[in-house]
């Protein structure tokens, strides 16, 4: 096969992963509409056998091959074991997946994946599916969604960092970590630091000190310090903030993903000088955009004090 025909057969897309309830299906629906409006031919592939009601138009649906309720009933498995069996069944039926995807060659793909964390941290079935897609000339980036409100709890945020790092190392795809539901970030409490501290994962020793002020976590300070050391030693995890209903927020995520999977280096769309330069130097200088997100969704301390005074 010649180099030109190889390039013509490339397909680009995103595999959307993350824990249950992080907004994967909502993201796929929103990103499908957003990309369609800027002229991309987009298809959504549902790989979640437990996803019975999809809000988007589904081009390929794993329920045509296998469903979680059928597996649970016939094999007497729980939901977790059933999902793992479904992914192993998909891995054993690559020919079905290849035939379904071939009908939409030339499109941009969004893969809506199950919300079981162990599928991305240590189980091999989905990783093997992604590897097979790469052999079929799919250029994919993993979009890992986590709830942004975890930033308000230092203990949970460290857990999110560990899960994100483990997923990045296991899945072995270009990775974009996303803080979803930014409009709800302070629903469960206030941020201890500015938003860029969490998105850029800055000096985590401050987070350990903040945790130590809690009597419960004070007993586990050394454990937290070692976990933070692992995260900082790899220096891989960072986040892009997202509110699916905000066009500018969607554009920021789209640009990060396009850079990760190589779509922005192709000639499918007009490429701006800014996009090419940011890719060339390896940084998008997100500080300005992160600051804008913080001003939009995070209540400033000064404002909070003023409201407390007014209440008095």
C-alpha atoms as a PDB file:
ATOM      1  CA  UNK A   1       0.000   0.000   0.000  1.00  0.00           C
ATOM      2  CA  UNK A   2       1.393   3.400  -0.990  1.00  0.00           C
ATOM      3  CA  UNK A   3       1.929   6.228   1.475  1.00  0.00           C
ATOM      4  CA  UNK A   4      -0.829   8.305  -0.162  1.00  0.00           C
ATOM      5  CA  UNK A   5      -3.409   5.548   0.107  1.00  0.00           C
ATOM      6  CA  UNK A   6      -2.339   4.926   3.676  1.00  0.00           C
ATOM      7  CA  UNK A   7      -2.937   8.586   4.544  1.00  0.00           C
ATOM      8  CA  UNK A   8      -6.323   8.552   2.812  1.00  0.00           C
ATOM      9  CA  UNK A   9      -7.477   5.595   4.902  1.00  0.00           C
ATOM     10  CA  UNK A  10      -6.745   7.253   8.244  1.00  0.00           C
ATOM     11  CA  UNK A  11      -9.727   7.738  10.556  1.00  0.00           C
ATOM     12  CA  UNK A  12      -9.703  10.095  13.542  1.00  0.00           C
ATOM     13  CA  UNK A  13     -11.764  10.019  16.701  1.00  0.00           C
ATOM     14  CA  UNK A  14     -12.138  10.033  20.469  1.00  0.00           C
ATOM     15  CA  UNK A  15     -12.691   7.258  22.977  1.00  0.00           C
ATOM     16  CA  UNK A  16     -14.711   8.805  25.797  1.00  0.00           C
ATOM     17  CA  UNK A  17     -13.965   7.129  29.121  1.00  0.00           C
ATOM     18  CA  UNK A  18     -14.430   7.833  32.808  1.00  0.00           C
ATOM     19  CA  UNK A  19     -16.258   6.693  35.946  1.00  0.00           C
ATOM     20  CA  UNK A  20     -20.057   6.282  36.080  1.00  0.00           C
ATOM     21  CA  UNK A  21     -22.015   9.541  36.057  1.00  0.00           C
ATOM     22  CA  UNK A  22     -19.107  11.671  34.836  1.00  0.00           C
ATOM     23  CA  UNK A  23     -21.063  12.798  31.766  1.00  0.00           C
ATOM     24  CA  UNK A  24     -19.675  10.577  28.977  1.00  0.00           C
ATOM     25  CA  UNK A  25     -22.957  10.158  27.072  1.00  0.00           C
ATOM     26  CA  UNK A  26     -23.840  13.844  27.517  1.00  0.00           C
ATOM     27  CA  UNK A  27     -20.372  14.749  26.248  1.00  0.00           C
ATOM     28  CA  UNK A  28     -20.766  12.523  23.164  1.00  0.00           C
ATOM     29  CA  UNK A  29     -24.128  14.103  22.406  1.00  0.00           C
ATOM     30  CA  UNK A  30     -22.808  17.648  22.856  1.00  0.00           C
ATOM     31  CA  UNK A  31     -19.577  17.041  20.939  1.00  0.00           C
ATOM     32  CA  UNK A  32     -21.487  15.363  18.085  1.00  0.00           C
ATOM     33  CA  UNK A  33     -23.688  18.441  17.688  1.00  0.00           C
ATOM     34  CA  UNK A  34     -20.759  20.854  18.094  1.00  0.00           C
ATOM     35  CA  UNK A  35     -18.572  19.128  15.486  1.00  0.00           C
ATOM     36  CA  UNK A  36     -21.479  18.748  13.053  1.00  0.00           C
ATOM     37  CA  UNK A  37     -22.076  22.503  13.202  1.00  0.00           C
ATOM     38  CA  UNK A  38     -18.485  23.263  12.203  1.00  0.00           C
ATOM     39  CA  UNK A  39     -18.737  20.909   9.245  1.00  0.00           C
ATOM     40  CA  UNK A  40     -17.352  17.560  10.401  1.00  0.00           C
ATOM     41  CA  UNK A  41     -19.054  14.324   9.461  1.00  0.00           C
ATOM     42  CA  UNK A  42     -19.455  12.714  12.880  1.00  0.00           C
ATOM     43  CA  UNK A  43     -20.721   9.319  14.012  1.00  0.00           C
ATOM     44  CA  UNK A  44     -21.154   8.072  17.577  1.00  0.00           C
ATOM     45  CA  UNK A  45     -20.317   4.467  18.417  1.00  0.00           C
ATOM     46  CA  UNK A  46     -21.936   3.167  21.597  1.00  0.00           C
ATOM     47  CA  UNK A  47     -19.656   0.585  23.256  1.00  0.00           C
ATOM     48  CA  UNK A  48     -21.567   0.643  26.560  1.00  0.00           C
ATOM     49  CA  UNK A  49     -23.848  -2.426  26.764  1.00  0.00           C
ATOM     50  CA  UNK A  50     -25.607  -0.877  29.785  1.00  0.00           C
ATOM     51  CA  UNK A  51     -26.496   2.309  27.878  1.00  0.00           C
ATOM     52  CA  UNK A  52     -30.090   1.611  26.876  1.00  0.00           C
ATOM     53  CA  UNK A  53     -31.349   5.154  26.157  1.00  0.00           C
ATOM     54  CA  UNK A  54     -28.886   7.216  24.121  1.00  0.00           C
ATOM     55  CA  UNK A  55     -29.777  10.884  23.478  1.00  0.00           C
ATOM     56  CA  UNK A  56     -27.649  10.973  20.326  1.00  0.00           C
ATOM     57  CA  UNK A  57     -28.134   9.332  16.947  1.00  0.00           C
ATOM     58  CA  UNK A  58     -26.176   6.103  17.256  1.00  0.00           C
ATOM     59  CA  UNK A  59     -24.390   4.812  14.129  1.00  0.00           C
ATOM     60  CA  UNK A  60     -23.009   1.625  15.713  1.00  0.00           C
ATOM     61  CA  UNK A  61     -24.503   0.124  18.865  1.00  0.00           C
ATOM     62  CA  UNK A  62     -22.991  -2.741  20.840  1.00  0.00           C
ATOM     63  CA  UNK A  63     -26.506  -3.749  21.902  1.00  0.00           C
ATOM     64  CA  UNK A  64     -26.855  -5.307  18.439  1.00  0.00           C
ATOM     65  CA  UNK A  65     -24.092  -7.702  19.494  1.00  0.00           C
ATOM     66  CA  UNK A  66     -24.643  -8.108  23.234  1.00  0.00           C
ATOM     67  CA  UNK A  67     -26.506  -6.413  26.085  1.00  0.00           C
ATOM     68  CA  UNK A  68     -25.747  -6.295  29.799  1.00  0.00           C
ATOM     69  CA  UNK A  69     -29.227  -7.426  30.985  1.00  0.00           C
ATOM     70  CA  UNK A  70     -29.012 -10.546  28.781  1.00  0.00           C
ATOM     71  CA  UNK A  71     -25.567 -11.416  30.146  1.00  0.00           C
ATOM     72  CA  UNK A  72     -26.620 -10.872  33.763  1.00  0.00           C
ATOM     73  CA  UNK A  73     -29.717 -13.043  33.293  1.00  0.00           C
ATOM     74  CA  UNK A  74     -28.147 -15.889  31.331  1.00  0.00           C
ATOM     75  CA  UNK A  75     -24.831 -16.123  33.224  1.00  0.00           C
ATOM     76  CA  UNK A  76     -26.121 -15.011  36.650  1.00  0.00           C
ATOM     77  CA  UNK A  77     -23.529 -12.245  36.893  1.00  0.00           C
ATOM     78  CA  UNK A  78     -23.696  -8.885  38.643  1.00  0.00           C
ATOM     79  CA  UNK A  79     -23.376  -5.613  36.721  1.00  0.00           C
ATOM     80  CA  UNK A  80     -19.581  -5.386  37.127  1.00  0.00           C
ATOM     81  CA  UNK A  81     -18.886  -8.955  36.074  1.00  0.00           C
ATOM     82  CA  UNK A  82     -21.440  -8.613  33.297  1.00  0.00           C
ATOM     83  CA  UNK A  83     -19.718  -5.523  31.855  1.00  0.00           C
ATOM     84  CA  UNK A  84     -16.337  -7.254  31.876  1.00  0.00           C
ATOM     85  CA  UNK A  85     -17.859 -10.256  30.070  1.00  0.00           C
ATOM     86  CA  UNK A  86     -19.418  -7.917  27.462  1.00  0.00           C
ATOM     87  CA  UNK A  87     -16.062  -6.264  26.753  1.00  0.00           C
ATOM     88  CA  UNK A  88     -14.351  -9.649  26.452  1.00  0.00           C
ATOM     89  CA  UNK A  89     -17.132 -10.732  24.083  1.00  0.00           C
ATOM     90  CA  UNK A  90     -16.571  -7.602  21.981  1.00  0.00           C
ATOM     91  CA  UNK A  91     -12.836  -8.370  21.931  1.00  0.00           C
ATOM     92  CA  UNK A  92     -13.639 -11.866  20.626  1.00  0.00           C
ATOM     93  CA  UNK A  93     -15.845 -10.413  17.855  1.00  0.00           C
ATOM     94  CA  UNK A  94     -13.581  -7.863  16.176  1.00  0.00           C
ATOM     95  CA  UNK A  95     -14.983  -8.856  12.778  1.00  0.00           C
ATOM     96  CA  UNK A  96     -18.427  -7.548  13.798  1.00  0.00           C
ATOM     97  CA  UNK A  97     -16.961  -4.220  14.914  1.00  0.00           C
ATOM     98  CA  UNK A  98     -14.797  -3.877  11.809  1.00  0.00           C
ATOM     99  CA  UNK A  99     -17.750  -4.505   9.501  1.00  0.00           C
ATOM    100  CA  UNK A 100     -19.922  -1.947  11.294  1.00  0.00           C
ATOM    101  CA  UNK A 101     -17.235   0.752  11.341  1.00  0.00           C
ATOM    102  CA  UNK A 102     -16.311   0.220   7.679  1.00  0.00           C
ATOM    103  CA  UNK A 103     -19.716   1.571   6.626  1.00  0.00           C
ATOM    104  CA  UNK A 104     -18.770   4.994   8.037  1.00  0.00           C
ATOM    105  CA  UNK A 105     -15.216   5.342   6.748  1.00  0.00           C
ATOM    106  CA  UNK A 106     -14.361   8.984   6.201  1.00  0.00           C
ATOM    107  CA  UNK A 107     -16.269  10.115   9.295  1.00  0.00           C
ATOM    108  CA  UNK A 108     -14.972  11.381  12.636  1.00  0.00           C
ATOM    109  CA  UNK A 109     -15.707   8.826  15.389  1.00  0.00           C
ATOM    110  CA  UNK A 110     -16.872   9.290  18.990  1.00  0.00           C
ATOM    111  CA  UNK A 111     -16.704   6.062  21.017  1.00  0.00           C
ATOM    112  CA  UNK A 112     -18.983   6.143  24.078  1.00  0.00           C
ATOM    113  CA  UNK A 113     -17.412   3.641  26.485  1.00  0.00           C
ATOM    114  CA  UNK A 114     -18.658   1.927  29.694  1.00  0.00           C
ATOM    115  CA  UNK A 115     -18.253   3.601  33.071  1.00  0.00           C
ATOM    116  CA  UNK A 116     -16.460   0.799  34.912  1.00  0.00           C
ATOM    117  CA  UNK A 117     -13.154   2.102  36.228  1.00  0.00           C
ATOM    118  CA  UNK A 118     -11.271  -1.227  36.254  1.00  0.00           C
ATOM    119  CA  UNK A 119     -11.767  -1.533  32.498  1.00  0.00           C
ATOM    120  CA  UNK A 120      -9.346   1.409  32.140  1.00  0.00           C
ATOM    121  CA  UNK A 121      -6.989   0.841  35.080  1.00  0.00           C
ATOM    122  CA  UNK A 122      -6.032  -2.852  34.847  1.00  0.00           C
ATOM    123  CA  UNK A 123      -8.386  -5.048  32.776  1.00  0.00           C
ATOM    124  CA  UNK A 124      -7.154  -5.730  29.254  1.00  0.00           C
ATOM    125  CA  UNK A 125     -10.271  -6.124  27.072  1.00  0.00           C
ATOM    126  CA  UNK A 126     -10.950  -2.477  26.165  1.00  0.00           C
ATOM    127  CA  UNK A 127      -7.230  -1.751  25.881  1.00  0.00           C
ATOM    128  CA  UNK A 128      -7.030  -4.544  23.291  1.00  0.00           C
ATOM    129  CA  UNK A 129     -10.047  -3.117  21.440  1.00  0.00           C
ATOM    130  CA  UNK A 130      -8.304   0.271  21.232  1.00  0.00           C
ATOM    131  CA  UNK A 131      -5.094  -1.411  20.050  1.00  0.00           C
ATOM    132  CA  UNK A 132      -7.027  -3.231  17.312  1.00  0.00           C
ATOM    133  CA  UNK A 133      -8.613   0.036  16.194  1.00  0.00           C
ATOM    134  CA  UNK A 134      -5.104   1.494  15.876  1.00  0.00           C
ATOM    135  CA  UNK A 135      -4.164  -1.422  13.584  1.00  0.00           C
ATOM    136  CA  UNK A 136      -7.152  -0.484  11.413  1.00  0.00           C
ATOM    137  CA  UNK A 137      -5.619   3.005  10.978  1.00  0.00           C
ATOM    138  CA  UNK A 138      -7.752   4.743  13.594  1.00  0.00           C
ATOM    139  CA  UNK A 139      -5.944   7.695  15.196  1.00  0.00           C
ATOM    140  CA  UNK A 140      -7.636   8.013  18.567  1.00  0.00           C
ATOM    141  CA  UNK A 141      -7.282  10.131  21.692  1.00  0.00           C
ATOM    142  CA  UNK A 142      -8.729   9.119  25.048  1.00  0.00           C
ATOM    143  CA  UNK A 143     -10.972  11.773  26.621  1.00  0.00           C
ATOM    144  CA  UNK A 144     -11.104  10.937  30.324  1.00  0.00           C
ATOM    145  CA  UNK A 145     -13.973  12.717  32.100  1.00  0.00           C
ATOM    146  CA  UNK A 146     -14.101  13.257  35.858  1.00  0.00           C
ATOM    147  CA  UNK A 147     -16.548  15.360  37.881  1.00  0.00           C
ATOM    148  CA  UNK A 148     -15.110  18.811  38.570  1.00  0.00           C
ATOM    149  CA  UNK A 149     -16.671  18.995  42.039  1.00  0.00           C
ATOM    150  CA  UNK A 150     -14.026  16.522  43.268  1.00  0.00           C
ATOM    151  CA  UNK A 151     -11.678  19.526  43.289  1.00  0.00           C
ATOM    152  CA  UNK A 152     -13.528  20.841  46.338  1.00  0.00           C
ATOM    153  CA  UNK A 153     -12.451  17.781  48.379  1.00  0.00           C
ATOM    154  CA  UNK A 154      -8.625  17.402  48.582  1.00  0.00           C
ATOM    155  CA  UNK A 155      -8.846  13.685  49.453  1.00  0.00           C
ATOM    156  CA  UNK A 156     -11.084  12.908  46.494  1.00  0.00           C
ATOM    157  CA  UNK A 157      -8.951  15.034  44.166  1.00  0.00           C
ATOM    158  CA  UNK A 158      -5.843  12.993  45.037  1.00  0.00           C
ATOM    159  CA  UNK A 159      -7.880   9.841  44.291  1.00  0.00           C
ATOM    160  CA  UNK A 160      -8.914  11.331  40.933  1.00  0.00           C
ATOM    161  CA  UNK A 161      -5.265  12.085  40.136  1.00  0.00           C
ATOM    162  CA  UNK A 162      -4.240   8.499  40.954  1.00  0.00           C
ATOM    163  CA  UNK A 163      -7.074   7.065  38.833  1.00  0.00           C
ATOM    164  CA  UNK A 164      -6.275   9.400  35.929  1.00  0.00           C
ATOM    165  CA  UNK A 165      -2.572   8.510  36.035  1.00  0.00           C
ATOM    166  CA  UNK A 166      -3.316   4.777  36.209  1.00  0.00           C
ATOM    167  CA  UNK A 167      -5.699   5.099  33.248  1.00  0.00           C
ATOM    168  CA  UNK A 168      -3.161   7.026  31.175  1.00  0.00           C
ATOM    169  CA  UNK A 169      -0.490   4.388  31.764  1.00  0.00           C
ATOM    170  CA  UNK A 170      -2.808   1.438  31.102  1.00  0.00           C
ATOM    171  CA  UNK A 171      -4.828   2.595  28.081  1.00  0.00           C
ATOM    172  CA  UNK A 172      -1.715   3.726  26.160  1.00  0.00           C
ATOM    173  CA  UNK A 173      -3.447   6.344  24.019  1.00  0.00           C
ATOM    174  CA  UNK A 174      -2.855  10.090  23.686  1.00  0.00           C
ATOM    175  CA  UNK A 175      -4.810  11.409  26.637  1.00  0.00           C
ATOM    176  CA  UNK A 176      -6.920  14.478  27.456  1.00  0.00           C
ATOM    177  CA  UNK A 177      -8.206  14.639  31.027  1.00  0.00           C
ATOM    178  CA  UNK A 178     -11.359  16.726  31.367  1.00  0.00           C
ATOM    179  CA  UNK A 179     -13.028  18.264  34.433  1.00  0.00           C
ATOM    180  CA  UNK A 180     -16.681  17.944  33.454  1.00  0.00           C
ATOM    181  CA  UNK A 181     -19.748  19.811  34.766  1.00  0.00           C
ATOM    182  CA  UNK A 182     -17.807  23.007  35.491  1.00  0.00           C
ATOM    183  CA  UNK A 183     -21.083  24.841  36.133  1.00  0.00           C
ATOM    184  CA  UNK A 184     -21.534  22.618  39.225  1.00  0.00           C
ATOM    185  CA  UNK A 185     -17.948  22.791  40.526  1.00  0.00           C
ATOM    186  CA  UNK A 186     -18.809  24.479  43.843  1.00  0.00           C
ATOM    187  CA  UNK A 187     -22.024  22.562  44.449  1.00  0.00           C
ATOM    188  CA  UNK A 188     -20.404  20.562  47.271  1.00  0.00           C
ATOM    189  CA  UNK A 189     -18.010  23.163  48.683  1.00  0.00           C
ATOM    190  CA  UNK A 190     -15.481  25.908  47.960  1.00  0.00           C
ATOM    191  CA  UNK A 191     -12.145  25.510  46.200  1.00  0.00           C
ATOM    192  CA  UNK A 192      -9.123  25.796  48.489  1.00  0.00           C
ATOM    193  CA  UNK A 193      -6.979  27.210  45.648  1.00  0.00           C
ATOM    194  CA  UNK A 194      -7.428  28.896  42.265  1.00  0.00           C
ATOM    195  CA  UNK A 195      -8.774  26.747  39.438  1.00  0.00           C
ATOM    196  CA  UNK A 196      -5.444  26.655  37.567  1.00  0.00           C
ATOM    197  CA  UNK A 197      -3.933  24.888  40.607  1.00  0.00           C
ATOM    198  CA  UNK A 198      -6.207  21.932  39.842  1.00  0.00           C
ATOM    199  CA  UNK A 199      -6.138  22.041  36.028  1.00  0.00           C
ATOM    200  CA  UNK A 200      -2.325  22.278  35.826  1.00  0.00           C
ATOM    201  CA  UNK A 201      -1.805  20.061  38.938  1.00  0.00           C
ATOM    202  CA  UNK A 202       0.662  22.460  40.538  1.00  0.00           C
ATOM    203  CA  UNK A 203       2.733  21.863  43.698  1.00  0.00           C
ATOM    204  CA  UNK A 204       0.665  19.189  45.479  1.00  0.00           C
ATOM    205  CA  UNK A 205       2.487  19.622  48.796  1.00  0.00           C
ATOM    206  CA  UNK A 206       0.058  22.479  49.501  1.00  0.00           C
ATOM    207  CA  UNK A 207      -2.809  20.012  49.053  1.00  0.00           C
ATOM    208  CA  UNK A 208      -1.188  17.580  51.521  1.00  0.00           C
ATOM    209  CA  UNK A 209      -0.822  20.407  54.057  1.00  0.00           C
ATOM    210  CA  UNK A 210      -4.463  21.317  53.510  1.00  0.00           C
ATOM    211  CA  UNK A 211      -5.469  17.687  54.090  1.00  0.00           C
ATOM    212  CA  UNK A 212      -3.447  17.539  57.294  1.00  0.00           C
ATOM    213  CA  UNK A 213      -5.751  20.163  58.825  1.00  0.00           C
ATOM    214  CA  UNK A 214      -8.443  17.453  58.893  1.00  0.00           C
ATOM    215  CA  UNK A 215      -8.038  15.218  61.998  1.00  0.00           C
ATOM    216  CA  UNK A 216      -8.927  12.095  59.988  1.00  0.00           C
ATOM    217  CA  UNK A 217      -6.424  12.678  57.167  1.00  0.00           C
ATOM    218  CA  UNK A 218      -3.732  13.840  59.593  1.00  0.00           C
ATOM    219  CA  UNK A 219      -3.108  10.189  60.487  1.00  0.00           C
ATOM    220  CA  UNK A 220      -2.462   9.366  56.822  1.00  0.00           C
ATOM    221  CA  UNK A 221      -0.118  12.236  55.978  1.00  0.00           C
ATOM    222  CA  UNK A 222       2.814   9.990  55.005  1.00  0.00           C
ATOM    223  CA  UNK A 223       0.583   7.916  52.718  1.00  0.00           C
ATOM    224  CA  UNK A 224      -0.743  11.062  51.031  1.00  0.00           C
ATOM    225  CA  UNK A 225       2.796  12.381  50.615  1.00  0.00           C
ATOM    226  CA  UNK A 226       3.887   9.157  48.871  1.00  0.00           C
ATOM    227  CA  UNK A 227       0.829   9.195  46.573  1.00  0.00           C
ATOM    228  CA  UNK A 228       1.549  12.806  45.653  1.00  0.00           C
ATOM    229  CA  UNK A 229       5.204  11.926  44.968  1.00  0.00           C
ATOM    230  CA  UNK A 230       4.135   9.247  42.467  1.00  0.00           C
ATOM    231  CA  UNK A 231       1.824  11.688  40.665  1.00  0.00           C
ATOM    232  CA  UNK A 232       4.498  14.408  40.531  1.00  0.00           C
ATOM    233  CA  UNK A 233       7.261  11.989  39.488  1.00  0.00           C
ATOM    234  CA  UNK A 234       5.311  10.995  36.383  1.00  0.00           C
ATOM    235  CA  UNK A 235       4.203  14.615  35.778  1.00  0.00           C
ATOM    236  CA  UNK A 236       1.597  13.509  33.224  1.00  0.00           C
ATOM    237  CA  UNK A 237      -1.768  14.564  34.612  1.00  0.00           C
ATOM    238  CA  UNK A 238      -3.420  17.878  33.798  1.00  0.00           C
ATOM    239  CA  UNK A 239      -7.025  18.834  33.076  1.00  0.00           C
ATOM    240  CA  UNK A 240      -9.103  20.859  30.659  1.00  0.00           C
ATOM    241  CA  UNK A 241     -12.257  22.393  32.239  1.00  0.00           C
ATOM    242  CA  UNK A 242     -15.536  21.707  30.430  1.00  0.00           C
ATOM    243  CA  UNK A 243     -19.139  22.815  30.477  1.00  0.00           C
ATOM    244  CA  UNK A 244     -20.931  21.019  27.629  1.00  0.00           C
ATOM    245  CA  UNK A 245     -23.410  23.889  27.254  1.00  0.00           C
ATOM    246  CA  UNK A 246     -20.623  26.461  26.719  1.00  0.00           C
ATOM    247  CA  UNK A 247     -19.394  26.694  23.097  1.00  0.00           C
ATOM    248  CA  UNK A 248     -16.030  28.225  24.043  1.00  0.00           C
ATOM    249  CA  UNK A 249     -15.452  25.461  26.574  1.00  0.00           C
ATOM    250  CA  UNK A 250     -16.253  22.824  23.937  1.00  0.00           C
ATOM    251  CA  UNK A 251     -13.868  24.510  21.509  1.00  0.00           C
ATOM    252  CA  UNK A 252     -11.017  24.346  24.038  1.00  0.00           C
ATOM    253  CA  UNK A 253     -11.570  20.615  24.551  1.00  0.00           C
ATOM    254  CA  UNK A 254     -11.878  20.029  20.789  1.00  0.00           C
ATOM    255  CA  UNK A 255      -8.549  21.782  20.170  1.00  0.00           C
ATOM    256  CA  UNK A 256      -6.805  19.734  22.874  1.00  0.00           C
ATOM    257  CA  UNK A 257      -8.177  16.479  21.435  1.00  0.00           C
ATOM    258  CA  UNK A 258      -7.366  17.445  17.823  1.00  0.00           C
ATOM    259  CA  UNK A 259      -3.781  18.077  18.863  1.00  0.00           C
ATOM    260  CA  UNK A 260      -3.617  14.777  20.780  1.00  0.00           C
ATOM    261  CA  UNK A 261      -4.915  12.518  17.994  1.00  0.00           C
ATOM    262  CA  UNK A 262      -3.204  14.448  15.179  1.00  0.00           C
ATOM    263  CA  UNK A 263      -6.349  15.734  13.487  1.00  0.00           C
ATOM    264  CA  UNK A 264      -5.137  19.344  13.626  1.00  0.00           C
ATOM    265  CA  UNK A 265      -2.075  18.392  11.547  1.00  0.00           C
ATOM    266  CA  UNK A 266      -4.204  17.132   8.648  1.00  0.00           C
ATOM    267  CA  UNK A 267      -5.775  19.108   5.830  1.00  0.00           C
ATOM    268  CA  UNK A 268      -9.403  18.248   6.595  1.00  0.00           C
ATOM    269  CA  UNK A 269     -10.136  21.766   7.849  1.00  0.00           C
ATOM    270  CA  UNK A 270      -8.654  25.232   7.666  1.00  0.00           C
ATOM    271  CA  UNK A 271      -5.756  25.389  10.105  1.00  0.00           C
ATOM    272  CA  UNK A 272      -5.109  28.690  11.821  1.00  0.00           C
ATOM    273  CA  UNK A 273      -1.582  29.927  12.512  1.00  0.00           C
ATOM    274  CA  UNK A 274      -2.380  29.986  16.239  1.00  0.00           C
ATOM    275  CA  UNK A 275      -3.312  26.283  16.252  1.00  0.00           C
ATOM    276  CA  UNK A 276      -0.182  25.282  14.353  1.00  0.00           C
ATOM    277  CA  UNK A 277       2.129  27.376  16.528  1.00  0.00           C
ATOM    278  CA  UNK A 278       0.620  26.103  19.771  1.00  0.00           C
ATOM    279  CA  UNK A 279       1.107  22.534  18.553  1.00  0.00           C
ATOM    280  CA  UNK A 280       4.654  23.294  17.429  1.00  0.00           C
ATOM    281  CA  UNK A 281       5.816  24.662  20.790  1.00  0.00           C
ATOM    282  CA  UNK A 282       3.923  22.008  22.696  1.00  0.00           C
ATOM    283  CA  UNK A 283       1.790  24.350  24.784  1.00  0.00           C
ATOM    284  CA  UNK A 284      -1.543  26.061  24.366  1.00  0.00           C
ATOM    285  CA  UNK A 285      -1.025  28.619  27.132  1.00  0.00           C
ATOM    286  CA  UNK A 286      -4.324  27.771  28.816  1.00  0.00           C
ATOM    287  CA  UNK A 287      -3.874  30.244  31.665  1.00  0.00           C
ATOM    288  CA  UNK A 288      -6.085  32.919  30.090  1.00  0.00           C
ATOM    289  CA  UNK A 289      -8.861  30.451  29.271  1.00  0.00           C
ATOM    290  CA  UNK A 290      -8.666  28.842  32.727  1.00  0.00           C
ATOM    291  CA  UNK A 291      -8.894  32.277  34.333  1.00  0.00           C
ATOM    292  CA  UNK A 292     -11.982  33.028  32.255  1.00  0.00           C
ATOM    293  CA  UNK A 293     -13.569  29.737  33.370  1.00  0.00           C
ATOM    294  CA  UNK A 294     -12.789  30.524  37.017  1.00  0.00           C
ATOM    295  CA  UNK A 295     -14.383  33.959  36.757  1.00  0.00           C
ATOM    296  CA  UNK A 296     -17.457  32.391  35.183  1.00  0.00           C
ATOM    297  CA  UNK A 297     -18.089  29.444  37.508  1.00  0.00           C
ATOM    298  CA  UNK A 298     -16.084  29.924  40.717  1.00  0.00           C
ATOM    299  CA  UNK A 299     -17.257  32.445  43.275  1.00  0.00           C
ATOM    300  CA  UNK A 300     -14.434  34.715  44.411  1.00  0.00           C
ATOM    301  CA  UNK A 301     -13.548  34.902  48.096  1.00  0.00           C
ATOM    302  CA  UNK A 302     -14.168  38.661  48.146  1.00  0.00           C
ATOM    303  CA  UNK A 303     -17.663  38.184  46.788  1.00  0.00           C
ATOM    304  CA  UNK A 304     -18.380  35.477  49.346  1.00  0.00           C
ATOM    305  CA  UNK A 305     -17.294  37.778  52.208  1.00  0.00           C
ATOM    306  CA  UNK A 306     -19.468  40.611  50.875  1.00  0.00           C
ATOM    307  CA  UNK A 307     -22.512  38.324  50.761  1.00  0.00           C
ATOM    308  CA  UNK A 308     -21.863  37.154  54.334  1.00  0.00           C
ATOM    309  CA  UNK A 309     -21.711  40.808  55.484  1.00  0.00           C
ATOM    310  CA  UNK A 310     -24.974  41.535  53.687  1.00  0.00           C
ATOM    311  CA  UNK A 311     -26.600  38.543  55.354  1.00  0.00           C
ATOM    312  CA  UNK A 312     -25.549  39.866  58.764  1.00  0.00           C
END
